[in-house]
Amino acid sequence: MGYITGLTRGKQEWTPRFVRSVDDGKCIGCGRCMKICAHGVLAPKEVDEEESAKMFCSIANADNCIGCEACGRTCNKKAFSFEPLHA
């Protein structure tokens, strides 16, 4: 079974990889990924640990993801994992 593919402007085949998960152990809550995503896929998630609130990134609207991987490229901690969609 193949994956959903598209074409670049130069007519080259491209397989988008969509956001699958965010690793809370790696995410530091900087918010860069949420700022760069133009499709509202990501949202902040607050975790209350021992009276100190920490902010992390979460996937709020996975269906809005277009597979550009901009969030993963801006993440210094490599907290994102991606996967292509089966056709």
Protein backbone atom coordinates (compact mmCIF):
# COMPACT_ATOMS: atom_id res chain seq x y z
CA MET A 1 0.00 0.00 0.00
CA GLY A 2 1.38 3.42 -0.94
CA TYR A 3 1.38 6.78 0.78
CA ILE A 4 -0.39 10.00 -0.08
CA THR A 5 1.95 12.04 -2.25
CA GLY A 6 1.88 15.42 -3.91
CA LEU A 7 3.95 17.44 -6.34
CA THR A 8 6.29 20.31 -5.66
CA ARG A 9 6.19 23.40 -7.83
CA GLY A 10 9.01 21.86 -9.87
CA LYS A 11 6.83 18.76 -10.50
CA GLN A 12 8.85 16.50 -8.19
CA GLU A 13 7.00 13.94 -6.12
CA TRP A 14 6.76 14.74 -2.40
CA THR A 15 5.39 12.61 0.46
CA PRO A 16 4.15 14.78 3.34
CA ARG A 17 4.80 13.46 6.83
CA PHE A 18 2.14 14.46 9.33
CA VAL A 19 2.70 15.13 13.03
CA ARG A 20 2.09 11.96 15.05
CA SER A 21 3.19 12.85 18.58
CA VAL A 22 5.11 15.21 20.83
CA ASP A 23 7.52 13.71 23.39
CA ASP A 24 6.78 15.40 26.75
CA GLY A 25 10.17 14.25 28.01
CA LYS A 26 11.96 16.31 25.35
CA CYS A 27 9.58 19.29 25.03
CA ILE A 28 10.69 22.32 27.08
CA GLY A 29 7.60 24.43 26.36
CA CYS A 30 9.37 27.20 24.45
CA GLY A 31 6.37 27.69 22.15
CA ARG A 32 8.28 28.14 18.88
CA CYS A 33 6.44 25.27 17.23
CA MET A 34 3.04 26.70 18.16
CA LYS A 35 3.99 30.08 16.70
CA ILE A 36 5.22 28.64 13.40
CA CYS A 37 2.21 26.39 12.75
CA ALA A 38 -0.20 28.39 10.59
CA HIS A 39 -2.93 25.75 10.76
CA GLY A 40 -3.69 25.60 14.48
CA VAL A 41 -2.52 22.03 14.88
CA LEU A 42 -0.63 22.64 18.14
CA ALA A 43 -1.74 24.09 21.46
CA PRO A 44 -0.19 24.59 24.90
CA LYS A 45 -0.78 21.94 27.54
CA GLU A 46 -0.26 22.79 31.21
CA VAL A 47 1.09 20.12 33.52
CA ASP A 48 1.04 20.78 37.25
CA GLU A 49 3.95 18.99 38.92
CA GLU A 50 4.66 19.55 42.61
CA GLU A 51 3.23 23.07 42.73
CA SER A 52 5.14 24.34 39.69
CA ALA A 53 3.11 24.62 36.52
CA LYS A 54 4.96 23.62 33.36
CA MET A 55 3.82 24.30 29.82
CA PHE A 56 4.22 21.77 27.02
CA CYS A 57 3.10 21.49 23.43
CA SER A 58 0.23 19.18 22.53
CA ILE A 59 -1.51 18.19 19.32
CA ALA A 60 -4.91 19.87 19.46
CA ASN A 61 -6.14 19.57 15.85
CA ALA A 62 -4.27 16.77 14.11
CA ASP A 63 -6.71 16.82 11.18
CA ASN A 64 -5.50 20.34 10.27
CA CYS A 65 -1.90 19.18 9.72
CA ILE A 66 -0.69 19.60 6.12
CA GLY A 67 2.55 17.63 6.58
CA CYS A 68 5.00 20.53 6.19
CA GLU A 69 7.03 19.52 9.31
CA ALA A 70 7.74 23.18 10.15
CA CYS A 71 7.10 22.45 13.83
CA GLY A 72 9.75 19.72 13.85
CA ARG A 73 12.31 21.88 12.08
CA THR A 74 11.94 24.67 14.67
CA CYS A 75 12.17 22.30 17.65
CA ASN A 76 15.72 22.31 19.05
CA LYS A 77 14.93 19.29 21.23
CA LYS A 78 13.58 17.10 18.40
CA ALA A 79 10.40 16.37 20.38
CA PHE A 80 8.20 15.68 17.34
CA SER A 81 7.62 12.46 15.47
CA PHE A 82 6.03 12.32 12.03
CA GLU A 83 4.55 9.71 9.71
CA PRO A 84 3.14 9.65 6.17
CA LEU A 85 -0.51 8.73 5.57
CA HIS A 86 -1.46 5.56 3.73
CA ALA A 87 -3.38 6.18 0.53
